[in-house]
Amino acid sequence: MRERDIARASELPLFEATSPRTLSEIIGGAFLQRFPAGTTLLSEGDPVDFLYVLFEGRVELQGAWKDRESTLALLQPVSTFALAATVLDAPALMSVRTIERSEILMLPGEALRRALKVDAGLGLAVAQEMAGCYRGVVRAIKNQKLRGGVERVANYLWSRRVRDGGADRITLPYEKRLIASLLDMTPETLSRAFLALSKYGVEVHGQEVTFSKPQALERLARPTPLIDNHMPPQERAVGKSELERWSPPAKQAAARA
């Protein structure tokens, strides 16, 4: 790794409380690599030799069984993945592939596990990250089990609108087939859901979505901080339980509860 890449890695919030000596030992065996779109980084059942940090690009976490595949998560920078498998020195439970050209930091798992035994600051940061990811999984399960398909799509679109600053026009960040899989739907069911949302002021043309009745869409979606994580971009931070960081209104609602 070049000096400027080492500096970037050192500035990750995941390492903000890590001692310089521990950090040097972890980063000393790290790699920063660029992968083209469509590259499989991990397959289910593979040993996980590295903790991955997505600096640029996008990746898909995917599961498969028999002839079925499902998108489990879609990650944007800056995000860690394979953290639990790295800590446990366990096989990967998910496959990982790049959606677009991606720059990924690969931190050696063995060095990370050694560091966790002696560095309390790193241990706390890793615990926070894993706790946030766990709660993110709970949110996803609640969303799928407690909401119908149209409600899930409404909430997905509402979250994208919030993250784009409340814009009345947004661009979907992923192909519709990926969004459908993420929401546990077929592409055909997703298309029907988009059609059903037209009476709530939602118009979808290709990847462009416009909202002419945002209040009506919000009433249908009924977003709640106990399921949703509608977080503006400026509040995202890897290493700080990213999936659990709420926007200010949600924090206020939680405080009142």
C-alpha atoms as a PDB file:
ATOM      1  CA  MET A   1       0.000   0.000   0.000  1.00  0.00           C
ATOM      2  CA  ARG A   2       1.147   3.524  -0.789  1.00  0.00           C
ATOM      3  CA  GLU A   3       1.562   6.096   1.962  1.00  0.00           C
ATOM      4  CA  ARG A   4      -1.618   7.946   1.072  1.00  0.00           C
ATOM      5  CA  ASP A   5      -3.568   4.675   1.091  1.00  0.00           C
ATOM      6  CA  ILE A   6      -2.167   3.818   4.513  1.00  0.00           C
ATOM      7  CA  ALA A   7      -3.278   7.255   5.711  1.00  0.00           C
ATOM      8  CA  ARG A   8      -6.787   6.664   4.366  1.00  0.00           C
ATOM      9  CA  ALA A   9      -7.015   3.319   6.119  1.00  0.00           C
ATOM     10  CA  SER A  10      -5.718   4.810   9.358  1.00  0.00           C
ATOM     11  CA  GLU A  11      -8.481   7.422   9.318  1.00  0.00           C
ATOM     12  CA  LEU A  12     -11.300   4.880   9.267  1.00  0.00           C
ATOM     13  CA  PRO A  13     -13.565   5.364  12.317  1.00  0.00           C
ATOM     14  CA  LEU A  14     -13.162   1.616  12.895  1.00  0.00           C
ATOM     15  CA  PHE A  15      -9.596   2.413  13.969  1.00  0.00           C
ATOM     16  CA  GLU A  16     -10.043   5.769  15.680  1.00  0.00           C
ATOM     17  CA  ALA A  17      -9.418   4.295  19.178  1.00  0.00           C
ATOM     18  CA  THR A  18      -6.844   1.714  18.067  1.00  0.00           C
ATOM     19  CA  SER A  19      -3.291   2.119  19.334  1.00  0.00           C
ATOM     20  CA  PRO A  20      -0.674   3.107  16.703  1.00  0.00           C
ATOM     21  CA  ARG A  21       1.251  -0.131  17.255  1.00  0.00           C
ATOM     22  CA  THR A  22      -1.840  -2.315  16.765  1.00  0.00           C
ATOM     23  CA  LEU A  23      -2.878  -0.335  13.716  1.00  0.00           C
ATOM     24  CA  SER A  24       0.565  -0.718  12.181  1.00  0.00           C
ATOM     25  CA  GLU A  25       0.421  -4.496  12.640  1.00  0.00           C
ATOM     26  CA  ILE A  26      -2.999  -4.743  10.961  1.00  0.00           C
ATOM     27  CA  ILE A  27      -2.321  -2.397   8.063  1.00  0.00           C
ATOM     28  CA  GLY A  28       1.165  -3.823   7.510  1.00  0.00           C
ATOM     29  CA  GLY A  29      -0.325  -6.879   5.792  1.00  0.00           C
ATOM     30  CA  ALA A  30      -3.221  -5.099   4.076  1.00  0.00           C
ATOM     31  CA  PHE A  31      -3.962  -4.715   0.372  1.00  0.00           C
ATOM     32  CA  LEU A  32      -5.866  -2.028  -1.500  1.00  0.00           C
ATOM     33  CA  GLN A  33      -7.162  -3.457  -4.758  1.00  0.00           C
ATOM     34  CA  ARG A  34      -9.445  -2.389  -7.578  1.00  0.00           C
ATOM     35  CA  PHE A  35     -11.869  -4.895  -9.045  1.00  0.00           C
ATOM     36  CA  PRO A  36     -13.970  -4.626 -12.230  1.00  0.00           C
ATOM     37  CA  ALA A  37     -17.745  -4.977 -12.155  1.00  0.00           C
ATOM     38  CA  GLY A  38     -18.991  -8.537 -11.874  1.00  0.00           C
ATOM     39  CA  THR A  39     -16.019  -9.813  -9.847  1.00  0.00           C
ATOM     40  CA  THR A  40     -16.867 -12.471  -7.256  1.00  0.00           C
ATOM     41  CA  LEU A  41     -14.875 -11.621  -4.124  1.00  0.00           C
ATOM     42  CA  LEU A  42     -16.244 -14.411  -1.941  1.00  0.00           C
ATOM     43  CA  SER A  43     -18.453 -17.447  -2.470  1.00  0.00           C
ATOM     44  CA  GLU A  44     -20.601 -19.085   0.182  1.00  0.00           C
ATOM     45  CA  GLY A  45     -18.534 -21.574   2.141  1.00  0.00           C
ATOM     46  CA  ASP A  46     -15.186 -19.948   1.289  1.00  0.00           C
ATOM     47  CA  PRO A  47     -12.686 -19.322   4.086  1.00  0.00           C
ATOM     48  CA  VAL A  48     -12.540 -15.611   4.901  1.00  0.00           C
ATOM     49  CA  ASP A  49      -8.929 -14.479   5.061  1.00  0.00           C
ATOM     50  CA  PHE A  50      -9.609 -10.732   5.094  1.00  0.00           C
ATOM     51  CA  LEU A  51     -11.903  -8.080   6.482  1.00  0.00           C
ATOM     52  CA  TYR A  52     -13.086  -6.037   3.513  1.00  0.00           C
ATOM     53  CA  VAL A  53     -13.690  -2.287   3.505  1.00  0.00           C
ATOM     54  CA  LEU A  54     -15.452  -0.820   0.466  1.00  0.00           C
ATOM     55  CA  PHE A  55     -13.847   2.548  -0.363  1.00  0.00           C
ATOM     56  CA  GLU A  56     -15.326   3.086  -3.839  1.00  0.00           C
ATOM     57  CA  GLY A  57     -17.961   1.361  -5.965  1.00  0.00           C
ATOM     58  CA  ARG A  58     -20.824  -0.925  -4.933  1.00  0.00           C
ATOM     59  CA  VAL A  59     -21.120  -4.571  -3.974  1.00  0.00           C
ATOM     60  CA  GLU A  60     -23.922  -7.102  -3.596  1.00  0.00           C
ATOM     61  CA  LEU A  61     -24.155  -9.625  -0.759  1.00  0.00           C
ATOM     62  CA  GLN A  62     -26.035 -12.661  -2.041  1.00  0.00           C
ATOM     63  CA  GLY A  63     -27.294 -16.030  -0.864  1.00  0.00           C
ATOM     64  CA  ALA A  64     -28.278 -19.082  -2.893  1.00  0.00           C
ATOM     65  CA  TRP A  65     -30.044 -22.376  -2.326  1.00  0.00           C
ATOM     66  CA  LYS A  66     -30.784 -24.976  -5.023  1.00  0.00           C
ATOM     67  CA  ASP A  67     -31.923 -22.922  -8.018  1.00  0.00           C
ATOM     68  CA  ARG A  68     -32.809 -19.792  -6.037  1.00  0.00           C
ATOM     69  CA  GLU A  69     -30.729 -16.683  -5.403  1.00  0.00           C
ATOM     70  CA  SER A  70     -31.491 -13.663  -3.244  1.00  0.00           C
ATOM     71  CA  THR A  71     -29.871 -10.291  -2.656  1.00  0.00           C
ATOM     72  CA  LEU A  72     -29.259  -9.877   1.071  1.00  0.00           C
ATOM     73  CA  ALA A  73     -27.686  -6.418   1.047  1.00  0.00           C
ATOM     74  CA  LEU A  74     -26.418  -3.761  -1.345  1.00  0.00           C
ATOM     75  CA  LEU A  75     -23.452  -1.797  -0.010  1.00  0.00           C
ATOM     76  CA  GLN A  76     -22.096   1.625  -0.867  1.00  0.00           C
ATOM     77  CA  PRO A  77     -18.935   3.305   0.469  1.00  0.00           C
ATOM     78  CA  VAL A  78     -17.777   3.314   3.121  1.00  0.00           C
ATOM     79  CA  SER A  79     -18.836  -0.146   4.342  1.00  0.00           C
ATOM     80  CA  THR A  80     -17.258  -3.205   5.912  1.00  0.00           C
ATOM     81  CA  PHE A  81     -18.284  -6.720   4.982  1.00  0.00           C
ATOM     82  CA  ALA A  82     -17.405 -10.238   6.153  1.00  0.00           C
ATOM     83  CA  LEU A  83     -16.676  -8.817   9.613  1.00  0.00           C
ATOM     84  CA  ALA A  84     -18.400 -11.572  11.629  1.00  0.00           C
ATOM     85  CA  ALA A  85     -16.766 -14.349   9.591  1.00  0.00           C
ATOM     86  CA  THR A  86     -13.388 -12.665  10.005  1.00  0.00           C
ATOM     87  CA  VAL A  87     -13.738 -12.355  13.781  1.00  0.00           C
ATOM     88  CA  LEU A  88     -14.893 -15.981  14.128  1.00  0.00           C
ATOM     89  CA  ASP A  89     -12.479 -17.344  11.507  1.00  0.00           C
ATOM     90  CA  ALA A  90     -15.537 -19.008   9.974  1.00  0.00           C
ATOM     91  CA  PRO A  91     -16.619 -19.725   6.374  1.00  0.00           C
ATOM     92  CA  ALA A  92     -18.522 -17.071   4.454  1.00  0.00           C
ATOM     93  CA  LEU A  93     -22.317 -17.351   4.704  1.00  0.00           C
ATOM     94  CA  MET A  94     -22.814 -15.044   1.731  1.00  0.00           C
ATOM     95  CA  SER A  95     -21.356 -14.571  -1.706  1.00  0.00           C
ATOM     96  CA  VAL A  96     -20.025 -11.116  -2.541  1.00  0.00           C
ATOM     97  CA  ARG A  97     -19.683  -9.600  -5.994  1.00  0.00           C
ATOM     98  CA  THR A  98     -18.949  -6.139  -7.304  1.00  0.00           C
ATOM     99  CA  ILE A  99     -21.793  -4.331  -9.060  1.00  0.00           C
ATOM    100  CA  GLU A 100     -19.474  -1.723 -10.531  1.00  0.00           C
ATOM    101  CA  ARG A 101     -15.743  -1.024 -10.548  1.00  0.00           C
ATOM    102  CA  SER A 102     -14.779  -1.011  -6.885  1.00  0.00           C
ATOM    103  CA  GLU A 103     -11.834  -0.102  -4.688  1.00  0.00           C
ATOM    104  CA  ILE A 104     -11.590  -2.386  -1.669  1.00  0.00           C
ATOM    105  CA  LEU A 105      -9.246  -2.468   1.302  1.00  0.00           C
ATOM    106  CA  MET A 106      -8.423  -6.000   2.467  1.00  0.00           C
ATOM    107  CA  LEU A 107      -7.242  -6.284   6.081  1.00  0.00           C
ATOM    108  CA  PRO A 108      -5.664  -9.625   7.135  1.00  0.00           C
ATOM    109  CA  GLY A 109      -8.025 -11.587   9.346  1.00  0.00           C
ATOM    110  CA  GLU A 110      -5.330 -13.239  11.441  1.00  0.00           C
ATOM    111  CA  ALA A 111      -3.787  -9.886  12.350  1.00  0.00           C
ATOM    112  CA  LEU A 112      -7.208  -8.482  13.209  1.00  0.00           C
ATOM    113  CA  ARG A 113      -8.017 -11.416  15.492  1.00  0.00           C
ATOM    114  CA  ARG A 114      -4.684 -11.055  17.306  1.00  0.00           C
ATOM    115  CA  ALA A 115      -5.297  -7.333  17.741  1.00  0.00           C
ATOM    116  CA  LEU A 116      -8.773  -7.885  19.182  1.00  0.00           C
ATOM    117  CA  LYS A 117      -7.238  -9.852  22.076  1.00  0.00           C
ATOM    118  CA  VAL A 118      -5.044  -6.976  23.216  1.00  0.00           C
ATOM    119  CA  ASP A 119      -6.568  -3.696  21.997  1.00  0.00           C
ATOM    120  CA  ALA A 120      -9.715  -2.631  23.856  1.00  0.00           C
ATOM    121  CA  GLY A 121     -10.331   0.352  21.575  1.00  0.00           C
ATOM    122  CA  LEU A 122     -10.432  -1.819  18.487  1.00  0.00           C
ATOM    123  CA  GLY A 123     -12.574  -4.390  20.284  1.00  0.00           C
ATOM    124  CA  LEU A 124     -15.170  -1.757  21.176  1.00  0.00           C
ATOM    125  CA  ALA A 125     -15.263  -0.399  17.617  1.00  0.00           C
ATOM    126  CA  VAL A 126     -15.730  -3.895  16.169  1.00  0.00           C
ATOM    127  CA  ALA A 127     -18.468  -4.637  18.723  1.00  0.00           C
ATOM    128  CA  GLN A 128     -20.267  -1.419  17.745  1.00  0.00           C
ATOM    129  CA  GLU A 129     -20.023  -2.259  14.063  1.00  0.00           C
ATOM    130  CA  MET A 130     -21.314  -5.795  14.542  1.00  0.00           C
ATOM    131  CA  ALA A 131     -24.116  -4.614  16.835  1.00  0.00           C
ATOM    132  CA  GLY A 132     -25.249  -2.137  14.211  1.00  0.00           C
ATOM    133  CA  CYS A 133     -25.157  -4.816  11.521  1.00  0.00           C
ATOM    134  CA  TYR A 134     -27.146  -7.196  13.724  1.00  0.00           C
ATOM    135  CA  ARG A 135     -29.828  -4.590  14.333  1.00  0.00           C
ATOM    136  CA  GLY A 136     -29.855  -3.891  10.608  1.00  0.00           C
ATOM    137  CA  VAL A 137     -30.660  -7.569  10.026  1.00  0.00           C
ATOM    138  CA  VAL A 138     -33.510  -7.346  12.553  1.00  0.00           C
ATOM    139  CA  ARG A 139     -34.869  -4.306  10.704  1.00  0.00           C
ATOM    140  CA  ALA A 140     -34.758  -6.197   7.395  1.00  0.00           C
ATOM    141  CA  ILE A 141     -36.548  -9.228   8.860  1.00  0.00           C
ATOM    142  CA  LYS A 142     -39.266  -7.058  10.395  1.00  0.00           C
ATOM    143  CA  ASN A 143     -39.706  -5.202   7.109  1.00  0.00           C
ATOM    144  CA  GLN A 144     -40.165  -8.446   5.160  1.00  0.00           C
ATOM    145  CA  LYS A 145     -42.383 -10.231   7.678  1.00  0.00           C
ATOM    146  CA  LEU A 146     -44.620  -7.370   8.817  1.00  0.00           C
ATOM    147  CA  ARG A 147     -45.198  -5.438   5.582  1.00  0.00           C
ATOM    148  CA  GLY A 148     -46.795  -6.325   2.295  1.00  0.00           C
ATOM    149  CA  GLY A 149     -44.945  -5.940  -0.980  1.00  0.00           C
ATOM    150  CA  VAL A 150     -46.379  -2.516  -1.868  1.00  0.00           C
ATOM    151  CA  GLU A 151     -45.557  -1.216   1.630  1.00  0.00           C
ATOM    152  CA  ARG A 152     -41.968  -2.464   1.319  1.00  0.00           C
ATOM    153  CA  VAL A 153     -41.546  -0.686  -2.010  1.00  0.00           C
ATOM    154  CA  ALA A 154     -43.144   2.479  -0.610  1.00  0.00           C
ATOM    155  CA  ASN A 155     -40.693   2.484   2.290  1.00  0.00           C
ATOM    156  CA  TYR A 156     -37.732   1.795   0.028  1.00  0.00           C
ATOM    157  CA  LEU A 157     -38.647   4.753  -2.191  1.00  0.00           C
ATOM    158  CA  TRP A 158     -39.324   6.946   0.839  1.00  0.00           C
ATOM    159  CA  SER A 159     -35.907   6.112   2.302  1.00  0.00           C
ATOM    160  CA  ARG A 160     -34.206   6.984  -0.990  1.00  0.00           C
ATOM    161  CA  ARG A 161     -36.101  10.285  -1.081  1.00  0.00           C
ATOM    162  CA  VAL A 162     -35.009  11.148   2.473  1.00  0.00           C
ATOM    163  CA  ARG A 163     -31.399  10.251   1.714  1.00  0.00           C
ATOM    164  CA  ASP A 164     -31.544  12.509  -1.355  1.00  0.00           C
ATOM    165  CA  GLY A 165     -32.574  15.435   0.838  1.00  0.00           C
ATOM    166  CA  GLY A 166     -36.344  15.164   0.275  1.00  0.00           C
ATOM    167  CA  ALA A 167     -36.096  15.614  -3.495  1.00  0.00           C
ATOM    168  CA  ASP A 168     -39.212  15.206  -5.617  1.00  0.00           C
ATOM    169  CA  ARG A 169     -37.190  13.337  -8.239  1.00  0.00           C
ATOM    170  CA  ILE A 170     -34.645  10.615  -7.543  1.00  0.00           C
ATOM    171  CA  THR A 171     -32.625   8.118  -9.541  1.00  0.00           C
ATOM    172  CA  LEU A 172     -32.741   4.516  -8.401  1.00  0.00           C
ATOM    173  CA  PRO A 173     -29.176   3.538  -7.465  1.00  0.00           C
ATOM    174  CA  TYR A 174     -29.456  -0.070  -8.639  1.00  0.00           C
ATOM    175  CA  GLU A 175     -31.024  -2.124 -11.391  1.00  0.00           C
ATOM    176  CA  LYS A 176     -34.654  -2.944 -10.673  1.00  0.00           C
ATOM    177  CA  ARG A 177     -33.946  -6.669 -10.566  1.00  0.00           C
ATOM    178  CA  LEU A 178     -31.524  -6.073  -7.669  1.00  0.00           C
ATOM    179  CA  ILE A 179     -34.023  -3.895  -5.824  1.00  0.00           C
ATOM    180  CA  ALA A 180     -36.703  -6.540  -6.320  1.00  0.00           C
ATOM    181  CA  SER A 181     -34.440  -9.258  -4.945  1.00  0.00           C
ATOM    182  CA  LEU A 182     -33.445  -7.070  -1.988  1.00  0.00           C
ATOM    183  CA  LEU A 183     -37.144  -6.568  -1.152  1.00  0.00           C
ATOM    184  CA  ASP A 184     -37.861 -10.318  -1.540  1.00  0.00           C
ATOM    185  CA  MET A 185     -39.920  -9.812  -4.703  1.00  0.00           C
ATOM    186  CA  THR A 186     -39.763 -10.850  -8.333  1.00  0.00           C
ATOM    187  CA  PRO A 187     -39.158  -8.142 -10.964  1.00  0.00           C
ATOM    188  CA  GLU A 188     -42.744  -8.620 -12.134  1.00  0.00           C
ATOM    189  CA  THR A 189     -44.116  -8.097  -8.618  1.00  0.00           C
ATOM    190  CA  LEU A 190     -41.976  -4.984  -8.259  1.00  0.00           C
ATOM    191  CA  SER A 191     -43.414  -3.585 -11.495  1.00  0.00           C
ATOM    192  CA  ARG A 192     -46.948  -4.191 -10.225  1.00  0.00           C
ATOM    193  CA  ALA A 193     -46.063  -2.467  -6.954  1.00  0.00           C
ATOM    194  CA  PHE A 194     -44.770   0.586  -8.857  1.00  0.00           C
ATOM    195  CA  LEU A 195     -48.082   0.647 -10.764  1.00  0.00           C
ATOM    196  CA  ALA A 196     -50.062   0.422  -7.507  1.00  0.00           C
ATOM    197  CA  LEU A 197     -48.106   3.377  -6.124  1.00  0.00           C
ATOM    198  CA  SER A 198     -49.112   5.622  -9.012  1.00  0.00           C
ATOM    199  CA  LYS A 199     -52.245   6.685  -7.124  1.00  0.00           C
ATOM    200  CA  TYR A 200     -49.923   7.908  -4.369  1.00  0.00           C
ATOM    201  CA  GLY A 201     -48.134  10.195  -6.797  1.00  0.00           C
ATOM    202  CA  VAL A 202     -45.250   7.878  -7.678  1.00  0.00           C
ATOM    203  CA  GLU A 203     -44.193   7.789 -11.333  1.00  0.00           C
ATOM    204  CA  VAL A 204     -41.402   5.487 -12.474  1.00  0.00           C
ATOM    205  CA  HIS A 205     -39.704   5.911 -15.852  1.00  0.00           C
ATOM    206  CA  GLY A 206     -36.657   3.707 -16.211  1.00  0.00           C
ATOM    207  CA  GLN A 207     -34.423   4.535 -13.251  1.00  0.00           C
ATOM    208  CA  GLU A 208     -36.090   7.921 -12.633  1.00  0.00           C
ATOM    209  CA  VAL A 209     -38.770   8.218  -9.928  1.00  0.00           C
ATOM    210  CA  THR A 210     -40.876  11.335  -9.291  1.00  0.00           C
ATOM    211  CA  PHE A 211     -43.078  12.099  -6.288  1.00  0.00           C
ATOM    212  CA  SER A 212     -46.072  14.383  -6.832  1.00  0.00           C
ATOM    213  CA  LYS A 213     -47.859  13.448  -3.575  1.00  0.00           C
ATOM    214  CA  PRO A 214     -45.090  12.854  -1.017  1.00  0.00           C
ATOM    215  CA  GLN A 215     -47.456  13.186   1.938  1.00  0.00           C
ATOM    216  CA  ALA A 216     -49.727  10.483   0.526  1.00  0.00           C
ATOM    217  CA  LEU A 217     -46.728   8.179   0.015  1.00  0.00           C
ATOM    218  CA  GLU A 218     -45.543   8.808   3.567  1.00  0.00           C
ATOM    219  CA  ARG A 219     -48.991   7.944   4.961  1.00  0.00           C
ATOM    220  CA  LEU A 220     -48.879   4.644   3.077  1.00  0.00           C
ATOM    221  CA  ALA A 221     -45.288   3.853   4.030  1.00  0.00           C
ATOM    222  CA  ARG A 222     -45.717   4.825   7.715  1.00  0.00           C
ATOM    223  CA  PRO A 223     -41.941   4.865   8.323  1.00  0.00           C
ATOM    224  CA  THR A 224     -40.884   4.076  11.866  1.00  0.00           C
ATOM    225  CA  PRO A 225     -37.431   4.152  13.507  1.00  0.00           C
ATOM    226  CA  LEU A 226     -38.175   0.693  14.936  1.00  0.00           C
ATOM    227  CA  ILE A 227     -37.998  -0.781  11.422  1.00  0.00           C
ATOM    228  CA  ASP A 228     -36.557   1.831   9.106  1.00  0.00           C
ATOM    229  CA  ASN A 229     -33.240   3.644   9.016  1.00  0.00           C
ATOM    230  CA  HIS A 230     -33.884   6.674   6.828  1.00  0.00           C
ATOM    231  CA  MET A 231     -30.450   8.189   7.261  1.00  0.00           C
ATOM    232  CA  PRO A 232     -29.129  11.211   5.335  1.00  0.00           C
ATOM    233  CA  PRO A 233     -25.715  10.697   3.677  1.00  0.00           C
ATOM    234  CA  GLN A 234     -23.920  13.147   5.977  1.00  0.00           C
ATOM    235  CA  GLU A 235     -24.655  10.909   8.974  1.00  0.00           C
ATOM    236  CA  ARG A 236     -23.128   7.734   7.582  1.00  0.00           C
ATOM    237  CA  ALA A 237     -19.881   6.539   9.143  1.00  0.00           C
ATOM    238  CA  VAL A 238     -18.326   3.094   9.000  1.00  0.00           C
ATOM    239  CA  GLY A 239     -17.156   1.829  12.364  1.00  0.00           C
ATOM    240  CA  LYS A 240     -19.928   3.646  14.196  1.00  0.00           C
ATOM    241  CA  SER A 241     -22.681   1.070  13.836  1.00  0.00           C
ATOM    242  CA  GLU A 242     -23.563   2.587  10.468  1.00  0.00           C
ATOM    243  CA  LEU A 243     -26.748   0.571  10.014  1.00  0.00           C
ATOM    244  CA  GLU A 244     -27.980   1.817  13.384  1.00  0.00           C
ATOM    245  CA  ARG A 245     -27.373   5.572  13.015  1.00  0.00           C
ATOM    246  CA  TRP A 246     -30.708   7.366  12.806  1.00  0.00           C
ATOM    247  CA  SER A 247     -31.578  10.739  11.365  1.00  0.00           C
ATOM    248  CA  PRO A 248     -32.270  13.497  13.939  1.00  0.00           C
ATOM    249  CA  PRO A 249     -36.103  13.135  13.799  1.00  0.00           C
ATOM    250  CA  ALA A 250     -35.787   9.412  14.550  1.00  0.00           C
ATOM    251  CA  LYS A 251     -33.446  10.087  17.448  1.00  0.00           C
ATOM    252  CA  GLN A 252     -35.973  12.528  18.875  1.00  0.00           C
ATOM    253  CA  ALA A 253     -38.761   9.981  18.461  1.00  0.00           C
ATOM    254  CA  ALA A 254     -36.687   7.343  20.214  1.00  0.00           C
ATOM    255  CA  ALA A 255     -35.976   9.732  23.079  1.00  0.00           C
ATOM    256  CA  ARG A 256     -39.681  10.399  23.555  1.00  0.00           C
ATOM    257  CA  ALA A 257     -40.591   6.690  23.463  1.00  0.00           C
END
